C-alpha atoms as a PDB file:
ATOM      1  CA  MET A   1      25.412  17.892  -2.102  1.00  0.00           C
ATOM      2  CA  THR A   2      22.486  19.073  -4.199  1.00  0.00           C
ATOM      3  CA  THR A   3      23.623  17.052  -7.200  1.00  0.00           C
ATOM      4  CA  GLN A   4      23.573  13.854  -5.161  1.00  0.00           C
ATOM      5  CA  ALA A   5      20.019  14.569  -4.037  1.00  0.00           C
ATOM      6  CA  ASN A   6      18.994  15.259  -7.645  1.00  0.00           C
ATOM      7  CA  LYS A   7      20.579  12.006  -8.823  1.00  0.00           C
ATOM      8  CA  ALA A   8      18.724  10.053  -6.151  1.00  0.00           C
ATOM      9  CA  SER A   9      15.396  11.610  -7.056  1.00  0.00           C
ATOM     10  CA  THR A  10      15.803  11.086 -10.814  1.00  0.00           C
ATOM     11  CA  LYS A  11      16.203   7.304 -10.532  1.00  0.00           C
ATOM     12  CA  SER A  12      13.152   5.524 -11.809  1.00  0.00           C
ATOM     13  CA  ALA A  13      11.193   3.223  -9.540  1.00  0.00           C
ATOM     14  CA  PRO A  14      11.630  -0.507 -10.178  1.00  0.00           C
ATOM     15  CA  ALA A  15       8.968  -2.071 -12.359  1.00  0.00           C
ATOM     16  CA  LYS A  16       6.039  -3.488 -10.404  1.00  0.00           C
ATOM     17  CA  LYS A  17       5.708  -7.238 -10.552  1.00  0.00           C
ATOM     18  CA  SER A  18       2.317  -8.802 -11.023  1.00  0.00           C
ATOM     19  CA  ARG A  19       0.574 -10.680  -8.246  1.00  0.00           C
ATOM     20  CA  PHE A  20       0.961 -13.903 -10.177  1.00  0.00           C
ATOM     21  CA  SER A  21       4.736 -13.555 -10.336  1.00  0.00           C
ATOM     22  CA  PHE A  22       4.790 -12.840  -6.603  1.00  0.00           C
ATOM     23  CA  LEU A  23       2.784 -15.998  -5.890  1.00  0.00           C
ATOM     24  CA  ALA A  24       5.001 -17.985  -8.226  1.00  0.00           C
ATOM     25  CA  GLY A  25       8.030 -16.747  -6.295  1.00  0.00           C
ATOM     26  CA  VAL A  26       6.393 -17.726  -3.005  1.00  0.00           C
ATOM     27  CA  ALA A  27       5.681 -21.218  -4.318  1.00  0.00           C
ATOM     28  CA  ALA A  28       9.289 -21.550  -5.507  1.00  0.00           C
ATOM     29  CA  GLU A  29      10.623 -20.543  -2.080  1.00  0.00           C
ATOM     30  CA  LEU A  30       8.272 -22.971  -0.328  1.00  0.00           C
ATOM     31  CA  ARG A  31       9.578 -25.810  -2.493  1.00  0.00           C
ATOM     32  CA  LYS A  32      13.136 -24.941  -1.385  1.00  0.00           C
ATOM     33  CA  ALA A  33      12.228 -25.034   2.323  1.00  0.00           C
ATOM     34  CA  HIS A  34      13.147 -28.021   4.486  1.00  0.00           C
ATOM     35  CA  TRP A  35       9.928 -29.520   5.815  1.00  0.00           C
ATOM     36  CA  PRO A  36      10.023 -31.793   8.876  1.00  0.00           C
ATOM     37  CA  THR A  37       8.969 -35.397   8.612  1.00  0.00           C
ATOM     38  CA  ARG A  38       5.798 -36.505  10.379  1.00  0.00           C
ATOM     39  CA  GLN A  39       7.910 -38.011  13.184  1.00  0.00           C
ATOM     40  CA  GLU A  40       9.905 -34.790  13.644  1.00  0.00           C
ATOM     41  CA  ALA A  41       6.745 -32.691  13.679  1.00  0.00           C
ATOM     42  CA  TRP A  42       5.144 -34.963  16.271  1.00  0.00           C
ATOM     43  CA  ARG A  43       8.247 -34.955  18.483  1.00  0.00           C
ATOM     44  CA  LEU A  44       8.628 -31.172  18.301  1.00  0.00           C
ATOM     45  CA  SER A  45       4.922 -30.642  18.994  1.00  0.00           C
ATOM     46  CA  LEU A  46       5.201 -32.788  22.123  1.00  0.00           C
ATOM     47  CA  LEU A  47       8.266 -30.813  23.169  1.00  0.00           C
ATOM     48  CA  VAL A  48       6.364 -27.523  22.806  1.00  0.00           C
ATOM     49  CA  LEU A  49       3.449 -28.957  24.790  1.00  0.00           C
ATOM     50  CA  ALA A  50       5.780 -30.151  27.570  1.00  0.00           C
ATOM     51  CA  VAL A  51       7.510 -26.774  27.797  1.00  0.00           C
ATOM     52  CA  CYS A  52       4.121 -25.021  27.975  1.00  0.00           C
ATOM     53  CA  VAL A  53       2.984 -27.307  30.799  1.00  0.00           C
ATOM     54  CA  VAL A  54       6.218 -26.793  32.753  1.00  0.00           C
ATOM     55  CA  VAL A  55       6.099 -23.009  32.353  1.00  0.00           C
ATOM     56  CA  GLY A  56       2.414 -23.040  33.337  1.00  0.00           C
ATOM     57  CA  LEU A  57       3.182 -25.033  36.476  1.00  0.00           C
ATOM     58  CA  ILE A  58       6.015 -22.681  37.441  1.00  0.00           C
ATOM     59  CA  LEU A  59       3.876 -19.582  36.906  1.00  0.00           C
ATOM     60  CA  GLY A  60       0.967 -21.163  38.787  1.00  0.00           C
ATOM     61  CA  ALA A  61       3.219 -22.009  41.723  1.00  0.00           C
ATOM     62  CA  LEU A  62       4.616 -18.468  41.785  1.00  0.00           C
ATOM     63  CA  ASP A  63       1.106 -17.008  41.640  1.00  0.00           C
ATOM     64  CA  LEU A  64      -0.046 -19.232  44.505  1.00  0.00           C
ATOM     65  CA  ALA A  65       3.030 -18.377  46.586  1.00  0.00           C
ATOM     66  CA  PHE A  66       2.632 -14.627  46.107  1.00  0.00           C
ATOM     67  CA  THR A  67      -1.114 -14.802  46.769  1.00  0.00           C
ATOM     68  CA  ARG A  68      -0.551 -16.600  50.050  1.00  0.00           C
ATOM     69  CA  LEU A  69       2.298 -14.235  50.971  1.00  0.00           C
ATOM     70  CA  PHE A  70       0.180 -11.132  50.404  1.00  0.00           C
ATOM     71  CA  LEU A  71      -2.787 -12.638  52.244  1.00  0.00           C
ATOM     72  CA  LEU A  72      -0.468 -13.423  55.147  1.00  0.00           C
ATOM     73  CA  LEU A  73       1.005  -9.911  55.188  1.00  0.00           C
ATOM     74  CA  GLY A  74      -2.084  -7.894  54.321  1.00  0.00           C
ATOM     75  CA  GLY A  75      -4.641 -10.028  55.980  1.00  0.00           C
END
């Protein structure tokens, strides 16, 4: 068991890459990504807005209902 620990500790660390090569890699990955069209982005943004409004209305209604319930019970 000790020899395995020694082997693990004697491995050299991987060479550090420069910041430029990191940024070049990031740019390469961004070029590979699928970007939505303007129409898709607009449609998805409206969908997110609609979901936010619906969730807000539901939470507001629940808040109002519980407020009135506790005022009714607690006076």
